[in-house]
Amino acid sequence: MLRIVLADNLAVLRSLAAGSIDLIYVDPPFNTGRTQTRTALRTVRDAAGDRTGFQGRRYRSEALGATSYADDFDDYLAFLRPRLEEARRVLGPAGSLFFHIDYREAHYCKVMLDGIFGRKSFINEIIWAYDYGGRPKRRWAAKHDTILWYAKDPADYTFHAGEIDRIPYMAPQLVGAEKAARGKTPTDVWWHTIVPTNSKEKTGYATQKPLGLLERIVRVHSSPGDRLMDFFAGSGTFGEAAAIHGRSCLLVDGNPEAVRIMERRLARFSPAVEGVDATPEPTGAVPAEPPLAP
């Protein structure tokens, strides 16, 4: 089942039993020093519109609303450390943490996580590479995020190699028809587009991550029936990936707008929603709230 909790994630983490979570993914605020805002738009056919589409048709943009949060911390590591210490405590014996961050803080966070988990528990630095957006004129365009993978036990962790999706060879003529048809397994550099503006996947939430990226983590690093957690849940992408693949997931966020977006997005999975006055979707009622501790 899915649970969505509006709360301080540190309080929720402290309420959980040790070893009760099989996989954690977090995408915390990146400490950019800016307010992150995402405006949701729709386009309407209009001969005098501001956009040109297929076959020269004109469209007008209409703003539907915006979501935002302040991405600025005086002491970023002091904010994260107690949460990540709790994350290690609640991970099960074969559990893993996937920590998603950008280039501004990745190196500081790596040193901190080495101290919490131990350097031997660091398994991979995964680079999520994408190619979208502007190109600055005074530096190389930053088109990647970093995902740091730590295992609770570096000698025994969940990794289903058979669940890895295959990708096309860049030079298929060099490997032969059979291998080219089968494809290859990805490396630690994952090429995946961001969520397209006109995608059905788009929720309008600032910094939303693509479903395909998190499905890979869920399939390979957990098993059906496992209990997963994202305590910076945002738009709920990790929860959707978990539910699609038969895992339960605890989603925590302190932003009421994020919880409203998750409740709408995940309605087909009938999530339990805590900490807000939940308004059930027309398709069914929200289940009764279970206790926080497992």
Protein backbone atom coordinates (compact mmCIF):
# COMPACT_ATOMS: atom_id res chain seq x y z
CA MET A 1 0.00 0.00 0.00
CA LEU A 2 0.94 3.66 -0.32
CA ARG A 3 0.98 6.09 2.60
CA ILE A 4 1.37 9.82 2.13
CA VAL A 5 2.28 11.78 5.26
CA LEU A 6 2.36 15.56 5.66
CA ALA A 7 4.89 16.02 8.46
CA ASP A 8 8.44 16.83 9.47
CA ASN A 9 10.32 13.90 7.96
CA LEU A 10 12.72 13.68 10.91
CA ALA A 11 9.83 13.04 13.30
CA VAL A 12 8.44 10.33 11.01
CA LEU A 13 11.83 8.66 10.62
CA ARG A 14 12.31 8.59 14.39
CA SER A 15 8.93 6.88 14.80
CA LEU A 16 9.91 3.92 12.59
CA ALA A 17 11.38 0.68 13.87
CA ALA A 18 15.02 -0.10 13.11
CA GLY A 19 15.47 -2.27 10.02
CA SER A 20 11.88 -1.77 8.84
CA ILE A 21 12.53 -0.24 5.37
CA ASP A 22 14.00 -2.16 2.42
CA LEU A 23 14.88 0.71 0.08
CA ILE A 24 15.09 4.49 0.48
CA TYR A 25 15.29 7.04 -2.31
CA VAL A 26 15.51 10.73 -1.48
CA ASP A 27 15.72 13.81 -3.67
CA PRO A 28 16.21 16.57 -1.08
CA PRO A 29 16.22 20.28 -1.89
CA PHE A 30 19.51 21.02 -3.65
CA ASN A 31 20.36 24.18 -1.66
CA THR A 32 20.52 26.34 -4.78
CA GLY A 33 19.77 29.49 -2.79
CA ARG A 34 16.72 30.20 -4.95
CA THR A 35 13.00 29.70 -4.69
CA GLN A 36 12.14 26.80 -6.97
CA THR A 37 8.96 27.48 -8.94
CA ARG A 38 7.13 25.49 -11.57
CA THR A 39 4.21 27.05 -13.48
CA ALA A 40 1.64 24.70 -14.98
CA LEU A 41 0.47 25.74 -18.45
CA ARG A 42 -2.07 24.60 -20.98
CA THR A 43 -2.30 25.59 -24.62
CA VAL A 44 -5.48 26.54 -26.47
CA ARG A 45 -5.92 26.90 -30.24
CA ASP A 46 -5.84 30.63 -31.03
CA ALA A 47 -4.92 32.20 -34.37
CA ALA A 48 -3.39 35.16 -32.51
CA GLY A 49 -1.63 32.98 -29.92
CA ASP A 50 1.96 33.23 -28.65
CA ARG A 51 3.08 29.72 -29.72
CA THR A 52 3.44 27.93 -33.04
CA GLY A 53 2.75 24.20 -33.18
CA PHE A 54 2.52 21.42 -35.74
CA GLN A 55 1.92 22.57 -39.33
CA GLY A 56 2.11 26.20 -38.25
CA ARG A 57 -1.00 26.14 -36.06
CA ARG A 58 -1.08 28.91 -33.46
CA TYR A 59 -1.77 28.39 -29.76
CA ARG A 60 -2.26 30.60 -26.70
CA SER A 61 -0.65 29.73 -23.34
CA GLU A 62 -2.77 29.86 -20.19
CA ALA A 63 -1.27 29.60 -16.70
CA LEU A 64 -3.08 27.14 -14.45
CA GLY A 65 -1.11 27.84 -11.30
CA ALA A 66 2.33 27.41 -9.78
CA THR A 67 4.09 25.43 -7.06
CA SER A 68 7.19 26.60 -5.26
CA TYR A 69 9.44 26.06 -2.27
CA ALA A 70 12.42 27.88 -0.76
CA ASP A 71 15.63 26.00 -1.59
CA ASP A 72 17.98 27.79 0.78
CA PHE A 73 19.54 26.49 4.01
CA ASP A 74 22.02 28.26 6.27
CA ASP A 75 23.63 24.93 7.19
CA TYR A 76 22.59 22.35 4.61
CA LEU A 77 24.58 19.43 6.01
CA ALA A 78 23.33 20.07 9.55
CA PHE A 79 19.80 19.89 8.17
CA LEU A 80 20.45 16.63 6.30
CA ARG A 81 22.68 14.71 8.73
CA PRO A 82 20.13 13.67 11.39
CA ARG A 83 17.70 12.59 8.67
CA LEU A 84 20.32 10.45 6.94
CA GLU A 85 21.48 8.95 10.24
CA GLU A 86 17.89 7.89 10.83
CA ALA A 87 17.69 6.60 7.27
CA ARG A 88 20.57 4.22 7.94
CA ARG A 89 18.95 3.07 11.20
CA VAL A 90 15.61 2.21 9.58
CA LEU A 91 17.13 0.40 6.59
CA GLY A 92 16.87 -3.38 6.65
CA PRO A 93 19.94 -5.66 6.51
CA ALA A 94 19.92 -5.84 2.67
CA GLY A 95 18.61 -2.30 2.20
CA SER A 96 20.06 0.58 0.20
CA LEU A 97 19.88 4.37 0.16
CA PHE A 98 19.78 6.27 -3.12
CA PHE A 99 20.60 9.93 -2.52
CA HIS A 100 19.85 12.29 -5.42
CA ILE A 101 21.68 15.62 -5.48
CA ASP A 102 23.16 18.13 -7.94
CA TYR A 103 26.71 19.31 -8.55
CA ARG A 104 26.60 22.16 -6.00
CA GLU A 105 26.39 19.84 -2.97
CA ALA A 106 27.32 16.35 -4.23
CA HIS A 107 30.90 16.34 -2.94
CA TYR A 108 29.97 17.65 0.53
CA CYS A 109 27.15 15.12 0.82
CA LYS A 110 29.41 12.26 -0.29
CA VAL A 111 31.85 12.97 2.55
CA MET A 112 28.98 13.18 5.04
CA LEU A 113 27.41 9.91 3.83
CA ASP A 114 30.80 8.17 4.00
CA GLY A 115 30.89 9.16 7.66
CA ILE A 116 27.36 7.87 8.34
CA PHE A 117 27.41 4.62 6.33
CA GLY A 118 31.16 3.96 6.09
CA ARG A 119 33.21 4.26 2.90
CA LYS A 120 32.89 0.54 2.18
CA SER A 121 29.12 0.95 2.00
CA PHE A 122 29.46 3.35 -0.94
CA ILE A 123 28.66 1.21 -3.99
CA ASN A 124 28.16 3.59 -6.94
CA GLU A 125 28.04 7.19 -8.04
CA ILE A 126 25.34 7.21 -10.71
CA ILE A 127 25.21 10.12 -13.11
CA TRP A 128 21.79 10.97 -14.49
CA ALA A 129 22.52 12.79 -17.73
CA TYR A 130 19.93 14.68 -19.75
CA ASP A 131 20.02 17.23 -22.55
CA TYR A 132 17.39 19.91 -22.20
CA GLY A 133 17.24 23.64 -21.55
CA GLY A 134 19.50 26.61 -22.13
CA ARG A 135 23.21 26.82 -22.86
CA PRO A 136 25.18 29.44 -20.89
CA LYS A 137 27.82 31.44 -22.72
CA ARG A 138 30.47 31.49 -19.97
CA ARG A 139 30.68 27.86 -18.81
CA TRP A 140 29.81 24.29 -19.83
CA ALA A 141 26.10 23.65 -19.50
CA ALA A 142 25.26 21.63 -16.35
CA LYS A 143 23.11 18.75 -17.64
CA HIS A 144 23.43 16.04 -15.01
CA ASP A 145 22.51 15.12 -11.44
CA THR A 146 24.33 12.74 -9.11
CA ILE A 147 22.73 9.76 -7.36
CA LEU A 148 24.86 8.24 -4.58
CA TRP A 149 24.13 4.60 -3.75
CA TYR A 150 24.96 3.32 -0.26
CA ALA A 151 24.20 -0.20 0.98
CA LYS A 152 23.49 -0.92 4.65
CA ASP A 153 25.72 -4.00 4.32
CA PRO A 154 28.26 -3.72 1.46
CA ALA A 155 28.64 -7.52 1.43
CA ASP A 156 24.92 -8.34 1.18
CA TYR A 157 22.44 -6.05 -0.57
CA THR A 158 19.49 -6.41 -2.94
CA PHE A 159 20.51 -6.23 -6.60
CA HIS A 160 18.38 -8.03 -9.19
CA ALA A 161 20.63 -7.97 -12.24
CA GLY A 162 17.98 -9.72 -14.31
CA GLU A 163 15.64 -6.75 -13.82
CA ILE A 164 17.98 -4.25 -15.45
CA ASP A 165 16.42 -2.79 -18.58
CA ARG A 166 18.57 -2.91 -21.69
CA ILE A 167 19.46 0.08 -23.81
CA PRO A 168 20.61 0.41 -27.45
CA TYR A 169 24.29 0.16 -28.37
CA MET A 170 25.73 3.46 -29.56
CA ALA A 171 27.59 1.63 -32.36
CA PRO A 172 25.44 -1.48 -33.08
CA GLN A 173 27.42 -2.32 -36.21
CA LEU A 174 30.45 -3.12 -34.04
CA VAL A 175 28.77 -5.81 -31.91
CA GLY A 176 26.78 -7.85 -34.42
CA ALA A 177 23.08 -8.28 -35.08
CA GLU A 178 22.35 -10.58 -32.12
CA LYS A 179 23.86 -8.30 -29.48
CA ALA A 180 22.45 -5.21 -31.13
CA ALA A 181 18.94 -6.68 -31.00
CA ARG A 182 19.34 -7.63 -27.32
CA GLY A 183 20.81 -4.29 -26.29
CA LYS A 184 23.25 -3.67 -23.46
CA THR A 185 22.92 -3.03 -19.75
CA PRO A 186 23.45 0.58 -18.65
CA THR A 187 26.63 1.74 -16.95
CA ASP A 188 26.75 4.19 -14.05
CA VAL A 189 25.81 6.96 -16.49
CA TRP A 190 22.05 6.92 -17.06
CA TRP A 191 20.84 8.87 -20.08
CA HIS A 192 17.18 9.73 -19.57
CA THR A 193 15.17 12.75 -20.61
CA ILE A 194 13.58 15.03 -18.03
CA VAL A 195 9.78 14.97 -17.76
CA PRO A 196 8.60 16.60 -21.01
CA THR A 197 6.50 19.74 -20.65
CA ASN A 198 3.56 18.25 -22.56
CA SER A 199 3.82 14.76 -20.99
CA LYS A 200 0.87 13.09 -19.25
CA GLU A 201 3.39 12.36 -16.50
CA LYS A 202 3.81 16.08 -15.76
CA THR A 203 2.29 17.16 -12.44
CA GLY A 204 3.39 20.80 -12.43
CA TYR A 205 5.59 20.20 -9.36
CA ALA A 206 8.95 21.94 -9.35
CA THR A 207 11.90 19.52 -9.73
CA GLN A 208 9.73 16.49 -10.63
CA LYS A 209 11.88 13.51 -11.64
CA PRO A 210 11.00 11.09 -14.48
CA LEU A 211 9.19 7.87 -13.65
CA GLY A 212 11.46 5.71 -15.81
CA LEU A 213 14.51 6.71 -13.78
CA LEU A 214 12.96 5.63 -10.48
CA GLU A 215 11.38 2.47 -11.90
CA ARG A 216 14.90 1.24 -12.65
CA ILE A 217 15.91 1.75 -9.01
CA VAL A 218 12.75 0.06 -7.70
CA ARG A 219 13.01 -3.00 -9.96
CA VAL A 220 16.69 -3.68 -9.41
CA HIS A 221 17.14 -2.75 -5.75
CA SER A 222 13.96 -4.11 -4.16
CA SER A 223 11.67 -7.14 -4.37
CA PRO A 224 7.88 -7.42 -4.70
CA GLY A 225 6.27 -6.84 -1.32
CA ASP A 226 9.20 -4.82 0.04
CA ARG A 227 8.62 -1.62 1.99
CA LEU A 228 10.10 1.51 0.39
CA MET A 229 10.39 5.11 1.57
CA ASP A 230 10.95 8.60 0.18
CA PHE A 231 11.02 11.26 2.90
CA PHE A 232 11.43 14.20 0.49
CA ALA A 233 8.62 12.86 -1.64
CA GLY A 234 7.74 15.94 -3.73
CA SER A 235 5.37 14.93 -6.52
CA GLY A 236 5.40 11.23 -5.53
CA THR A 237 7.29 9.74 -8.48
CA PHE A 238 9.04 7.17 -6.30
CA GLY A 239 5.71 6.12 -4.81
CA GLU A 240 4.22 5.62 -8.26
CA ALA A 241 7.21 3.51 -9.33
CA ALA A 242 6.86 1.43 -6.16
CA ALA A 243 3.12 0.85 -6.61
CA ILE A 244 3.46 -0.08 -10.28
CA HIS A 245 5.93 -2.83 -9.34
CA GLY A 246 4.11 -4.25 -6.33
CA ARG A 247 5.98 -2.58 -3.49
CA SER A 248 4.52 -0.62 -0.58
CA CYS A 249 5.87 2.87 -0.02
CA LEU A 250 5.86 5.52 2.68
CA LEU A 251 5.96 9.04 1.20
CA VAL A 252 6.69 11.98 3.50
CA ASP A 253 6.79 15.68 2.69
CA GLY A 254 6.40 18.85 4.72
CA ASN A 255 4.85 20.85 1.86
CA PRO A 256 1.01 20.72 1.79
CA GLU A 257 0.99 21.42 -1.95
CA ALA A 258 3.25 18.41 -2.57
CA VAL A 259 0.88 16.20 -0.57
CA ARG A 260 -2.13 17.46 -2.56
CA ILE A 261 -0.31 16.69 -5.81
CA MET A 262 0.63 13.20 -4.60
CA GLU A 263 -2.93 12.50 -3.47
CA ARG A 264 -4.28 13.37 -6.93
CA ARG A 265 -1.50 11.63 -8.82
CA LEU A 266 -1.68 8.39 -6.86
CA ALA A 267 -5.45 8.24 -6.38
CA ARG A 268 -5.74 5.05 -8.47
CA PHE A 269 -3.65 3.25 -5.83
CA SER A 270 -5.98 4.38 -2.97
CA PRO A 271 -3.22 5.86 -0.77
CA ALA A 272 -3.68 6.47 2.94
CA VAL A 273 -3.16 10.19 3.56
CA GLU A 274 -2.13 11.50 6.97
CA GLY A 275 -1.64 14.94 8.43
CA VAL A 276 -4.15 16.74 6.20
CA ASP A 277 -7.89 16.81 5.72
CA ALA A 278 -7.87 14.44 2.76
CA THR A 279 -10.56 14.90 0.12
CA PRO A 280 -11.23 11.51 -1.49
CA GLU A 281 -11.30 11.26 -5.24
CA PRO A 282 -14.70 10.32 -6.73
CA THR A 283 -13.43 6.79 -7.44
CA GLY A 284 -13.28 5.77 -3.78
CA ALA A 285 -12.54 6.66 -0.21
CA VAL A 286 -9.13 7.03 1.39
CA PRO A 287 -8.37 4.02 3.64
CA ALA A 288 -8.22 4.36 7.41
CA GLU A 289 -4.89 5.60 8.74
CA PRO A 290 -2.50 2.95 10.06
CA PRO A 291 -0.07 3.79 12.90
CA LEU A 292 3.28 5.28 11.94
CA ALA A 293 5.33 2.48 13.49
CA PRO A 294 5.30 -0.79 11.50
